[in-house]
N, C-alpha and C. Protein backbone atom coordinates (compact mmCIF):
# COMPACT_ATOMS: atom_id res chain seq x y z
N MET A 1 23.85 34.78 -26.98
CA MET A 1 23.94 33.34 -26.74
C MET A 1 23.60 33.04 -25.28
N PRO A 2 22.83 31.99 -25.03
CA PRO A 2 22.50 31.63 -23.66
C PRO A 2 23.75 31.26 -22.87
N GLY A 3 23.73 31.55 -21.58
CA GLY A 3 24.83 31.17 -20.72
C GLY A 3 24.83 29.66 -20.49
N THR A 4 25.85 29.19 -19.81
CA THR A 4 25.97 27.75 -19.59
C THR A 4 25.15 27.28 -18.41
N ASN A 5 24.69 28.19 -17.57
CA ASN A 5 23.93 27.80 -16.39
C ASN A 5 22.80 28.79 -16.13
N PRO A 6 21.77 28.81 -16.98
CA PRO A 6 20.68 29.76 -16.79
C PRO A 6 19.93 29.48 -15.50
N VAL A 7 19.30 30.51 -14.96
CA VAL A 7 18.48 30.33 -13.76
C VAL A 7 17.20 29.58 -14.10
N VAL A 8 16.62 29.90 -15.26
CA VAL A 8 15.41 29.24 -15.73
C VAL A 8 15.61 28.87 -17.19
N ASN A 9 15.22 27.66 -17.54
CA ASN A 9 15.33 27.19 -18.92
C ASN A 9 13.96 26.67 -19.35
N ALA A 10 13.31 27.38 -20.27
CA ALA A 10 11.99 26.99 -20.76
C ALA A 10 12.15 26.47 -22.19
N GLN A 11 11.62 25.29 -22.45
CA GLN A 11 11.81 24.66 -23.75
C GLN A 11 10.49 24.16 -24.32
N SER A 12 10.24 24.56 -25.58
CA SER A 12 9.12 24.04 -26.37
C SER A 12 7.78 24.16 -25.65
N LEU A 13 7.50 25.33 -25.09
CA LEU A 13 6.26 25.51 -24.36
C LEU A 13 5.08 25.68 -25.32
N PHE A 14 3.99 25.04 -24.95
CA PHE A 14 2.75 25.14 -25.72
C PHE A 14 1.60 25.25 -24.74
N CYS A 15 0.70 26.20 -25.00
CA CYS A 15 -0.48 26.35 -24.13
C CYS A 15 -1.67 26.76 -24.96
N GLU A 16 -2.77 26.08 -24.72
CA GLU A 16 -4.03 26.37 -25.42
C GLU A 16 -5.11 26.56 -24.37
N ARG A 17 -5.85 27.67 -24.48
CA ARG A 17 -6.94 27.94 -23.54
C ARG A 17 -8.20 28.23 -24.35
N GLY A 18 -9.26 27.50 -24.06
CA GLY A 18 -10.51 27.74 -24.77
C GLY A 18 -10.38 27.58 -26.27
N GLU A 19 -9.65 26.56 -26.71
CA GLU A 19 -9.43 26.26 -28.12
C GLU A 19 -8.65 27.36 -28.84
N ARG A 20 -7.95 28.20 -28.07
CA ARG A 20 -7.12 29.23 -28.66
C ARG A 20 -5.69 29.04 -28.19
N VAL A 21 -4.77 29.00 -29.12
CA VAL A 21 -3.36 28.82 -28.77
C VAL A 21 -2.80 30.14 -28.24
N LEU A 22 -2.28 30.11 -27.00
CA LEU A 22 -1.66 31.30 -26.43
C LEU A 22 -0.20 31.41 -26.85
N PHE A 23 0.51 30.30 -26.76
CA PHE A 23 1.89 30.27 -27.25
C PHE A 23 2.25 28.85 -27.63
N GLU A 24 3.17 28.73 -28.58
CA GLU A 24 3.61 27.41 -29.02
C GLU A 24 5.06 27.47 -29.44
N ASP A 25 5.75 26.34 -29.25
CA ASP A 25 7.17 26.22 -29.59
C ASP A 25 7.96 27.40 -29.01
N LEU A 26 7.65 27.76 -27.77
CA LEU A 26 8.29 28.90 -27.12
C LEU A 26 9.43 28.41 -26.24
N SER A 27 10.63 28.85 -26.55
CA SER A 27 11.81 28.46 -25.79
C SER A 27 12.63 29.71 -25.43
N PHE A 28 13.11 29.76 -24.22
CA PHE A 28 13.96 30.87 -23.79
C PHE A 28 14.64 30.49 -22.49
N VAL A 29 15.66 31.25 -22.14
CA VAL A 29 16.33 31.08 -20.85
C VAL A 29 16.30 32.43 -20.13
N VAL A 30 16.42 32.36 -18.83
CA VAL A 30 16.56 33.56 -18.00
C VAL A 30 17.90 33.45 -17.30
N GLU A 31 18.75 34.44 -17.55
CA GLU A 31 20.09 34.44 -16.97
C GLU A 31 20.12 35.27 -15.69
N ALA A 32 21.10 35.01 -14.85
CA ALA A 32 21.33 35.86 -13.69
C ALA A 32 21.72 37.25 -14.17
N GLY A 33 21.20 38.27 -13.51
CA GLY A 33 21.51 39.65 -13.88
C GLY A 33 20.82 40.13 -15.14
N GLU A 34 19.66 39.54 -15.46
CA GLU A 34 18.97 39.88 -16.70
C GLU A 34 17.54 40.34 -16.44
N VAL A 35 17.07 41.27 -17.29
CA VAL A 35 15.67 41.67 -17.30
C VAL A 35 15.04 41.14 -18.59
N LEU A 36 14.00 40.36 -18.45
CA LEU A 36 13.29 39.80 -19.60
C LEU A 36 11.86 40.32 -19.54
N GLN A 37 11.45 41.03 -20.59
CA GLN A 37 10.09 41.58 -20.64
C GLN A 37 9.26 40.76 -21.61
N ILE A 38 8.09 40.31 -21.14
CA ILE A 38 7.16 39.56 -21.97
C ILE A 38 6.12 40.54 -22.48
N GLU A 39 6.02 40.66 -23.80
CA GLU A 39 5.12 41.64 -24.40
C GLU A 39 4.02 40.95 -25.19
N GLY A 40 2.95 41.68 -25.39
CA GLY A 40 1.84 41.18 -26.18
C GLY A 40 0.56 41.85 -25.75
N PRO A 41 -0.47 41.80 -26.59
CA PRO A 41 -1.75 42.42 -26.24
C PRO A 41 -2.44 41.68 -25.11
N ASN A 42 -3.47 42.30 -24.55
CA ASN A 42 -4.25 41.64 -23.51
C ASN A 42 -4.80 40.32 -24.05
N GLY A 43 -4.72 39.28 -23.22
CA GLY A 43 -5.23 37.97 -23.62
C GLY A 43 -4.25 37.14 -24.41
N SER A 44 -3.02 37.61 -24.58
CA SER A 44 -2.05 36.87 -25.41
C SER A 44 -1.32 35.78 -24.63
N GLY A 45 -1.50 35.72 -23.32
CA GLY A 45 -0.88 34.64 -22.54
C GLY A 45 0.26 35.08 -21.63
N LYS A 46 0.44 36.38 -21.46
CA LYS A 46 1.55 36.87 -20.64
C LYS A 46 1.43 36.41 -19.19
N THR A 47 0.25 36.62 -18.62
CA THR A 47 0.03 36.20 -17.23
C THR A 47 0.12 34.70 -17.10
N THR A 48 -0.45 33.97 -18.05
CA THR A 48 -0.38 32.52 -18.02
C THR A 48 1.06 32.04 -18.03
N LEU A 49 1.90 32.66 -18.86
CA LEU A 49 3.31 32.27 -18.92
C LEU A 49 4.02 32.55 -17.60
N LEU A 50 3.77 33.72 -17.02
CA LEU A 50 4.39 34.03 -15.73
C LEU A 50 3.95 33.04 -14.65
N ARG A 51 2.68 32.71 -14.63
CA ARG A 51 2.17 31.75 -13.64
C ARG A 51 2.77 30.37 -13.85
N ALA A 52 2.99 30.00 -15.11
CA ALA A 52 3.64 28.72 -15.39
C ALA A 52 5.07 28.73 -14.87
N LEU A 53 5.79 29.82 -15.09
CA LEU A 53 7.16 29.93 -14.58
C LEU A 53 7.20 29.83 -13.06
N ALA A 54 6.16 30.39 -12.41
CA ALA A 54 6.11 30.40 -10.95
C ALA A 54 5.63 29.07 -10.37
N GLY A 55 5.20 28.15 -11.24
CA GLY A 55 4.70 26.87 -10.75
C GLY A 55 3.25 26.93 -10.29
N LEU A 56 2.53 27.98 -10.69
CA LEU A 56 1.14 28.16 -10.28
C LEU A 56 0.15 27.73 -11.36
N PHE A 57 0.66 27.31 -12.49
CA PHE A 57 -0.18 26.88 -13.61
C PHE A 57 0.53 25.74 -14.31
N ALA A 58 -0.16 24.62 -14.49
CA ALA A 58 0.51 23.43 -15.03
C ALA A 58 -0.12 22.90 -16.30
N ASP A 59 -1.15 23.57 -16.83
CA ASP A 59 -1.86 23.07 -18.00
C ASP A 59 -1.16 23.53 -19.28
N TYR A 60 0.05 23.08 -19.47
CA TYR A 60 0.83 23.41 -20.67
C TYR A 60 1.72 22.23 -21.02
N GLU A 61 2.22 22.25 -22.23
CA GLU A 61 3.18 21.23 -22.66
C GLU A 61 4.56 21.87 -22.75
N GLY A 62 5.58 21.08 -22.67
CA GLY A 62 6.95 21.57 -22.70
C GLY A 62 7.58 21.44 -21.33
N GLN A 63 8.70 22.08 -21.16
CA GLN A 63 9.49 21.89 -19.94
C GLN A 63 10.01 23.22 -19.41
N ILE A 64 9.87 23.42 -18.11
CA ILE A 64 10.46 24.57 -17.43
C ILE A 64 11.36 24.02 -16.34
N VAL A 65 12.64 24.31 -16.45
CA VAL A 65 13.63 23.78 -15.50
C VAL A 65 14.30 24.94 -14.78
N TRP A 66 14.24 24.90 -13.46
CA TRP A 66 14.90 25.90 -12.63
C TRP A 66 16.24 25.37 -12.16
N ARG A 67 17.21 26.28 -12.08
CA ARG A 67 18.50 25.91 -11.51
C ARG A 67 18.30 25.42 -10.07
N ALA A 68 19.02 24.40 -9.68
CA ALA A 68 18.90 23.86 -8.33
C ALA A 68 19.10 24.97 -7.30
N GLY A 69 18.15 25.06 -6.37
CA GLY A 69 18.25 26.06 -5.31
C GLY A 69 17.66 27.42 -5.64
N ALA A 70 17.34 27.65 -6.92
CA ALA A 70 16.78 28.95 -7.31
C ALA A 70 15.34 29.07 -6.84
N ARG A 71 14.96 30.27 -6.42
CA ARG A 71 13.59 30.52 -5.97
C ARG A 71 13.09 31.80 -6.60
N CYS A 72 11.76 31.94 -6.63
CA CYS A 72 11.19 33.13 -7.25
C CYS A 72 10.22 33.84 -6.32
N LEU A 73 10.04 35.11 -6.60
CA LEU A 73 8.99 35.92 -5.98
C LEU A 73 8.01 36.26 -7.09
N PHE A 74 6.76 35.84 -6.94
CA PHE A 74 5.75 36.11 -7.94
C PHE A 74 4.82 37.20 -7.43
N MET A 75 4.60 38.22 -8.26
CA MET A 75 3.65 39.27 -7.93
C MET A 75 2.66 39.37 -9.07
N GLY A 76 1.41 38.98 -8.82
CA GLY A 76 0.39 38.99 -9.85
C GLY A 76 -0.11 40.39 -10.16
N HIS A 77 -0.92 40.52 -11.20
CA HIS A 77 -1.40 41.83 -11.59
C HIS A 77 -2.50 42.35 -10.68
N LYS A 78 -3.07 41.46 -9.84
CA LYS A 78 -4.04 41.90 -8.84
C LYS A 78 -3.34 41.97 -7.48
N PRO A 79 -3.53 43.06 -6.74
CA PRO A 79 -2.89 43.17 -5.43
C PRO A 79 -3.34 42.04 -4.50
N ALA A 80 -2.39 41.33 -3.94
CA ALA A 80 -2.71 40.22 -3.04
C ALA A 80 -2.81 40.75 -1.61
N VAL A 81 -3.82 41.57 -1.36
CA VAL A 81 -3.99 42.15 -0.03
C VAL A 81 -5.41 41.89 0.46
N ARG A 82 -5.56 41.95 1.78
CA ARG A 82 -6.86 41.76 2.41
C ARG A 82 -7.33 43.10 2.95
N ASP A 83 -8.53 43.50 2.55
CA ASP A 83 -9.07 44.79 2.95
C ASP A 83 -9.19 44.94 4.46
N THR A 84 -9.39 43.81 5.15
CA THR A 84 -9.63 43.87 6.60
C THR A 84 -8.33 43.94 7.41
N LEU A 85 -7.18 43.86 6.74
CA LEU A 85 -5.90 43.96 7.44
C LEU A 85 -5.29 45.33 7.19
N THR A 86 -4.45 45.75 8.11
CA THR A 86 -3.74 47.01 7.93
C THR A 86 -2.60 46.82 6.94
N VAL A 87 -1.97 47.91 6.56
CA VAL A 87 -0.84 47.85 5.62
C VAL A 87 0.24 46.92 6.15
N ILE A 88 0.65 47.13 7.40
CA ILE A 88 1.76 46.33 7.93
C ILE A 88 1.34 44.88 8.16
N GLU A 89 0.08 44.66 8.52
CA GLU A 89 -0.40 43.28 8.68
C GLU A 89 -0.41 42.56 7.34
N ASN A 90 -0.81 43.25 6.27
CA ASN A 90 -0.80 42.65 4.94
C ASN A 90 0.61 42.28 4.52
N LEU A 91 1.56 43.18 4.73
CA LEU A 91 2.92 42.91 4.32
C LEU A 91 3.50 41.74 5.11
N ARG A 92 3.24 41.69 6.40
CA ARG A 92 3.73 40.56 7.21
C ARG A 92 3.10 39.25 6.75
N TRP A 93 1.82 39.30 6.36
CA TRP A 93 1.14 38.10 5.87
C TRP A 93 1.77 37.61 4.56
N LEU A 94 2.08 38.55 3.65
CA LEU A 94 2.72 38.17 2.39
C LEU A 94 4.10 37.57 2.64
N LEU A 95 4.83 38.13 3.57
CA LEU A 95 6.16 37.61 3.89
C LEU A 95 6.05 36.22 4.52
N GLU A 96 5.04 36.05 5.36
CA GLU A 96 4.86 34.73 6.00
C GLU A 96 4.55 33.67 4.95
N LEU A 97 3.71 34.01 3.96
CA LEU A 97 3.40 33.06 2.88
C LEU A 97 4.67 32.65 2.13
N ALA A 98 5.60 33.60 1.97
CA ALA A 98 6.84 33.33 1.26
C ALA A 98 7.93 32.78 2.17
N GLU A 99 7.59 32.57 3.46
CA GLU A 99 8.54 32.05 4.45
C GLU A 99 9.77 32.94 4.56
N ILE A 100 9.52 34.27 4.57
CA ILE A 100 10.59 35.25 4.72
C ILE A 100 10.40 35.94 6.06
N ARG A 101 11.47 35.97 6.85
CA ARG A 101 11.43 36.63 8.15
C ARG A 101 12.23 37.91 8.09
N CYS A 102 11.64 38.97 8.61
CA CYS A 102 12.29 40.29 8.57
C CYS A 102 12.11 41.00 9.90
N GLU A 103 13.10 41.79 10.24
CA GLU A 103 12.98 42.64 11.42
C GLU A 103 11.97 43.75 11.14
N ASP A 104 11.35 44.26 12.20
CA ASP A 104 10.39 45.35 12.05
C ASP A 104 11.03 46.57 11.40
N SER A 105 12.31 46.80 11.70
CA SER A 105 12.99 47.97 11.13
C SER A 105 13.12 47.83 9.62
N ALA A 106 13.35 46.61 9.13
CA ALA A 106 13.47 46.39 7.69
C ALA A 106 12.11 46.59 7.01
N ILE A 107 11.04 46.15 7.67
CA ILE A 107 9.70 46.33 7.12
C ILE A 107 9.35 47.82 7.05
N ALA A 108 9.71 48.56 8.09
CA ALA A 108 9.45 50.00 8.10
C ALA A 108 10.21 50.69 6.97
N THR A 109 11.45 50.28 6.73
CA THR A 109 12.25 50.86 5.65
C THR A 109 11.63 50.56 4.30
N ALA A 110 11.13 49.33 4.11
CA ALA A 110 10.52 48.94 2.84
C ALA A 110 9.25 49.73 2.58
N LEU A 111 8.44 49.93 3.60
CA LEU A 111 7.22 50.71 3.43
C LEU A 111 7.54 52.16 3.10
N ALA A 112 8.58 52.70 3.74
CA ALA A 112 8.99 54.07 3.43
C ALA A 112 9.47 54.18 1.99
N ALA A 113 10.17 53.15 1.52
CA ALA A 113 10.71 53.17 0.15
C ALA A 113 9.60 53.18 -0.88
N THR A 114 8.43 52.68 -0.54
CA THR A 114 7.31 52.66 -1.49
C THR A 114 6.29 53.76 -1.20
N GLY A 115 6.64 54.69 -0.31
CA GLY A 115 5.76 55.82 -0.04
C GLY A 115 4.64 55.52 0.92
N LEU A 116 4.78 54.47 1.73
CA LEU A 116 3.71 54.09 2.66
C LEU A 116 4.05 54.41 4.11
N ALA A 117 5.12 55.12 4.35
CA ALA A 117 5.43 55.53 5.73
C ALA A 117 4.28 56.37 6.26
N GLY A 118 3.84 56.07 7.47
CA GLY A 118 2.71 56.77 8.06
C GLY A 118 1.38 56.08 7.83
N TYR A 119 1.37 55.07 6.96
CA TYR A 119 0.14 54.33 6.67
C TYR A 119 0.15 52.92 7.27
N GLU A 120 1.14 52.63 8.10
CA GLU A 120 1.32 51.26 8.61
C GLU A 120 0.05 50.68 9.23
N ASP A 121 -0.69 51.50 9.98
CA ASP A 121 -1.87 51.00 10.71
C ASP A 121 -3.18 51.32 10.00
N THR A 122 -3.09 51.73 8.73
CA THR A 122 -4.29 52.02 7.95
C THR A 122 -4.82 50.75 7.32
N LEU A 123 -6.13 50.55 7.39
CA LEU A 123 -6.73 49.38 6.74
C LEU A 123 -6.56 49.48 5.23
N ALA A 124 -6.30 48.36 4.60
CA ALA A 124 -6.13 48.36 3.14
C ALA A 124 -7.38 48.86 2.44
N ALA A 125 -8.54 48.64 3.02
CA ALA A 125 -9.79 49.07 2.41
C ALA A 125 -9.87 50.59 2.28
N GLU A 126 -9.07 51.31 3.06
CA GLU A 126 -9.10 52.77 3.05
C GLU A 126 -8.06 53.38 2.11
N LEU A 127 -7.29 52.55 1.43
CA LEU A 127 -6.21 53.03 0.56
C LEU A 127 -6.69 53.23 -0.87
N SER A 128 -5.94 54.04 -1.61
CA SER A 128 -6.18 54.17 -3.05
C SER A 128 -5.65 52.93 -3.75
N ALA A 129 -5.97 52.79 -5.03
CA ALA A 129 -5.49 51.64 -5.80
C ALA A 129 -3.97 51.61 -5.84
N GLY A 130 -3.35 52.78 -6.03
CA GLY A 130 -1.89 52.84 -6.08
C GLY A 130 -1.26 52.48 -4.75
N GLN A 131 -1.83 52.96 -3.65
CA GLN A 131 -1.29 52.63 -2.34
C GLN A 131 -1.44 51.14 -2.05
N THR A 132 -2.56 50.57 -2.44
CA THR A 132 -2.77 49.14 -2.26
C THR A 132 -1.71 48.35 -3.02
N ARG A 133 -1.43 48.79 -4.25
CA ARG A 133 -0.42 48.12 -5.06
C ARG A 133 0.95 48.17 -4.39
N ARG A 134 1.25 49.28 -3.73
CA ARG A 134 2.57 49.46 -3.12
C ARG A 134 2.83 48.50 -1.98
N ILE A 135 1.77 47.97 -1.35
CA ILE A 135 1.99 46.99 -0.28
C ILE A 135 2.77 45.80 -0.82
N GLY A 136 2.32 45.27 -1.96
CA GLY A 136 3.02 44.15 -2.56
C GLY A 136 4.41 44.53 -3.04
N LEU A 137 4.52 45.75 -3.60
CA LEU A 137 5.82 46.21 -4.12
C LEU A 137 6.85 46.36 -3.01
N ALA A 138 6.40 46.57 -1.78
CA ALA A 138 7.33 46.70 -0.66
C ALA A 138 8.19 45.45 -0.50
N ARG A 139 7.69 44.30 -0.96
CA ARG A 139 8.48 43.06 -0.87
C ARG A 139 9.78 43.15 -1.66
N LEU A 140 9.81 44.03 -2.67
CA LEU A 140 11.01 44.16 -3.49
C LEU A 140 12.14 44.84 -2.72
N TYR A 141 11.84 45.43 -1.58
CA TYR A 141 12.83 46.12 -0.78
C TYR A 141 13.24 45.30 0.44
N LEU A 142 12.83 44.06 0.47
CA LEU A 142 13.13 43.15 1.58
C LEU A 142 13.86 41.93 1.04
N PRO A 143 14.50 41.14 1.90
CA PRO A 143 15.15 39.92 1.41
C PRO A 143 14.16 39.10 0.58
N ALA A 144 14.55 38.77 -0.63
CA ALA A 144 13.63 38.08 -1.54
C ALA A 144 14.42 37.12 -2.42
N PRO A 145 13.74 36.11 -2.98
CA PRO A 145 14.42 35.20 -3.91
C PRO A 145 15.04 35.95 -5.08
N GLY A 146 15.98 35.30 -5.75
CA GLY A 146 16.75 35.97 -6.79
C GLY A 146 16.01 36.26 -8.08
N VAL A 147 14.90 35.56 -8.34
CA VAL A 147 14.14 35.77 -9.57
C VAL A 147 12.80 36.41 -9.23
N TRP A 148 12.56 37.58 -9.81
CA TRP A 148 11.28 38.26 -9.61
C TRP A 148 10.43 38.06 -10.85
N LEU A 149 9.21 37.57 -10.66
CA LEU A 149 8.23 37.42 -11.73
C LEU A 149 7.13 38.45 -11.46
N LEU A 150 7.13 39.52 -12.22
CA LEU A 150 6.27 40.67 -11.94
C LEU A 150 5.26 40.89 -13.06
N ASP A 151 3.99 40.73 -12.73
CA ASP A 151 2.92 40.89 -13.71
C ASP A 151 2.30 42.28 -13.55
N GLU A 152 2.56 43.15 -14.49
CA GLU A 152 2.07 44.53 -14.47
C GLU A 152 2.39 45.24 -13.14
N PRO A 153 3.66 45.30 -12.77
CA PRO A 153 4.00 45.93 -11.48
C PRO A 153 3.74 47.43 -11.45
N LEU A 154 3.60 48.07 -12.61
CA LEU A 154 3.42 49.52 -12.64
C LEU A 154 1.95 49.93 -12.64
N ALA A 155 1.04 48.98 -12.62
CA ALA A 155 -0.39 49.31 -12.65
C ALA A 155 -0.77 50.20 -11.47
N ALA A 156 -1.44 51.30 -11.75
CA ALA A 156 -1.94 52.25 -10.74
C ALA A 156 -0.83 52.98 -9.99
N ILE A 157 0.39 52.93 -10.50
CA ILE A 157 1.52 53.59 -9.85
C ILE A 157 1.80 54.92 -10.55
N ASP A 158 2.04 55.98 -9.76
CA ASP A 158 2.31 57.30 -10.34
C ASP A 158 3.75 57.38 -10.87
N HIS A 159 4.08 58.52 -11.51
CA HIS A 159 5.39 58.66 -12.17
C HIS A 159 6.54 58.48 -11.19
N ALA A 160 6.43 59.06 -10.00
CA ALA A 160 7.50 58.94 -9.02
C ALA A 160 7.67 57.49 -8.60
N GLY A 161 6.55 56.78 -8.43
CA GLY A 161 6.61 55.37 -8.06
C GLY A 161 7.22 54.51 -9.14
N VAL A 162 6.89 54.81 -10.41
CA VAL A 162 7.48 54.08 -11.54
C VAL A 162 9.00 54.25 -11.54
N ALA A 163 9.46 55.47 -11.30
CA ALA A 163 10.91 55.72 -11.25
C ALA A 163 11.56 54.93 -10.12
N ARG A 164 10.88 54.85 -8.96
CA ARG A 164 11.43 54.09 -7.83
C ARG A 164 11.55 52.62 -8.18
N ILE A 165 10.52 52.08 -8.83
CA ILE A 165 10.56 50.67 -9.20
C ILE A 165 11.70 50.41 -10.19
N GLY A 166 11.87 51.33 -11.15
CA GLY A 166 12.96 51.19 -12.10
C GLY A 166 14.31 51.13 -11.41
N ARG A 167 14.52 52.01 -10.44
CA ARG A 167 15.79 52.01 -9.70
C ARG A 167 15.98 50.72 -8.91
N ARG A 168 14.88 50.21 -8.35
CA ARG A 168 14.98 48.98 -7.56
C ARG A 168 15.29 47.78 -8.45
N VAL A 169 14.65 47.70 -9.61
CA VAL A 169 14.94 46.61 -10.55
C VAL A 169 16.39 46.68 -11.00
N ASP A 170 16.88 47.88 -11.31
CA ASP A 170 18.29 48.03 -11.71
C ASP A 170 19.23 47.53 -10.62
N ALA A 171 18.93 47.90 -9.37
CA ALA A 171 19.78 47.47 -8.26
C ALA A 171 19.76 45.95 -8.13
N HIS A 172 18.59 45.35 -8.31
CA HIS A 172 18.46 43.89 -8.17
C HIS A 172 19.30 43.15 -9.22
N VAL A 173 19.24 43.60 -10.46
CA VAL A 173 20.00 42.89 -11.50
C VAL A 173 21.51 43.16 -11.36
N ARG A 174 21.87 44.35 -10.86
CA ARG A 174 23.29 44.59 -10.62
C ARG A 174 23.85 43.64 -9.57
N GLU A 175 22.99 43.23 -8.65
CA GLU A 175 23.40 42.30 -7.60
C GLU A 175 23.32 40.84 -8.06
N GLY A 176 23.00 40.62 -9.33
CA GLY A 176 22.94 39.26 -9.87
C GLY A 176 21.57 38.65 -9.90
N GLY A 177 20.54 39.41 -9.51
CA GLY A 177 19.18 38.90 -9.57
C GLY A 177 18.64 38.94 -10.99
N SER A 178 17.48 38.34 -11.18
CA SER A 178 16.83 38.31 -12.49
C SER A 178 15.40 38.80 -12.35
N VAL A 179 14.89 39.44 -13.41
CA VAL A 179 13.53 39.94 -13.40
C VAL A 179 12.84 39.56 -14.70
N VAL A 180 11.69 38.92 -14.59
CA VAL A 180 10.82 38.65 -15.74
C VAL A 180 9.54 39.42 -15.48
N LEU A 181 9.17 40.29 -16.41
CA LEU A 181 8.01 41.15 -16.13
C LEU A 181 7.16 41.35 -17.36
N THR A 182 5.92 41.74 -17.08
CA THR A 182 5.02 42.23 -18.12
C THR A 182 4.65 43.65 -17.73
N THR A 183 4.50 44.53 -18.70
CA THR A 183 4.05 45.88 -18.43
C THR A 183 3.60 46.54 -19.72
N HIS A 184 2.54 47.32 -19.62
CA HIS A 184 2.08 48.11 -20.75
C HIS A 184 2.65 49.53 -20.69
N GLN A 185 3.35 49.84 -19.59
CA GLN A 185 3.96 51.14 -19.43
C GLN A 185 5.47 51.01 -19.57
N PRO A 186 6.13 51.99 -20.15
CA PRO A 186 7.59 51.95 -20.19
C PRO A 186 8.16 52.08 -18.79
N ILE A 187 9.18 51.28 -18.49
CA ILE A 187 9.82 51.33 -17.19
C ILE A 187 11.24 51.85 -17.39
N PRO A 188 11.63 52.91 -16.69
CA PRO A 188 12.96 53.49 -16.90
C PRO A 188 14.04 52.62 -16.26
N LEU A 189 14.86 52.01 -17.09
CA LEU A 189 15.90 51.11 -16.60
C LEU A 189 17.24 51.44 -17.24
N GLU A 190 18.30 51.30 -16.46
CA GLU A 190 19.64 51.35 -17.02
C GLU A 190 20.01 50.00 -17.60
N ALA A 191 19.47 48.94 -17.01
CA ALA A 191 19.78 47.58 -17.47
C ALA A 191 19.21 47.36 -18.88
N GLU A 192 19.91 46.55 -19.63
CA GLU A 192 19.41 46.16 -20.95
C GLU A 192 18.23 45.22 -20.77
N VAL A 193 17.20 45.39 -21.59
CA VAL A 193 15.99 44.59 -21.49
C VAL A 193 15.88 43.69 -22.72
N ARG A 194 15.77 42.38 -22.49
CA ARG A 194 15.52 41.45 -23.58
C ARG A 194 14.01 41.22 -23.63
N ARG A 195 13.46 41.10 -24.83
CA ARG A 195 12.01 41.03 -24.97
C ARG A 195 11.56 39.75 -25.69
N ILE A 196 10.44 39.23 -25.23
CA ILE A 196 9.75 38.13 -25.89
C ILE A 196 8.35 38.63 -26.22
N VAL A 197 7.93 38.49 -27.45
CA VAL A 197 6.60 38.95 -27.87
C VAL A 197 5.71 37.74 -28.09
N LEU A 198 4.56 37.72 -27.41
CA LEU A 198 3.59 36.64 -27.59
C LEU A 198 2.55 37.07 -28.60
């Protein structure tokens, strides 16, 4: 049963792209301390739904209501990094976009947590796909809004990295945060996962 004060309340969502219905009559809530996984084949509307929740896509019908004061961190399936910036410059740029201020020591700890210690001054263009992905994932180890919207966060990540992300998601929900994610890979979690299939 839904709680009395969900963080996000989505009601009667409908979206059609290119004369194809992606989802219709879709209603759900996101509670504090919950992991919600959106499942479905490629092209089924998972990314579109996440972008709608994040306020980055408005071409849908229905209603998405956020609890007053609630904020989200959105991480798309494409790494939001600039090849011409170093690892640490990219992370600082992402934090600036989200209006998050962090001490240098906290940034160094976050990069170490994602396996990027020693790469701080390396240009993103020189990194592997997995290392590039980890720049964005480092935000999960820094002060961040309570709701994480993660689109394929495990893409290009090795087994050790997947385990690290699982532990970080578990810690976040234990602290009362919420996670809405899409993934084609199993993510090892202690938290119970509720699923929506598109």
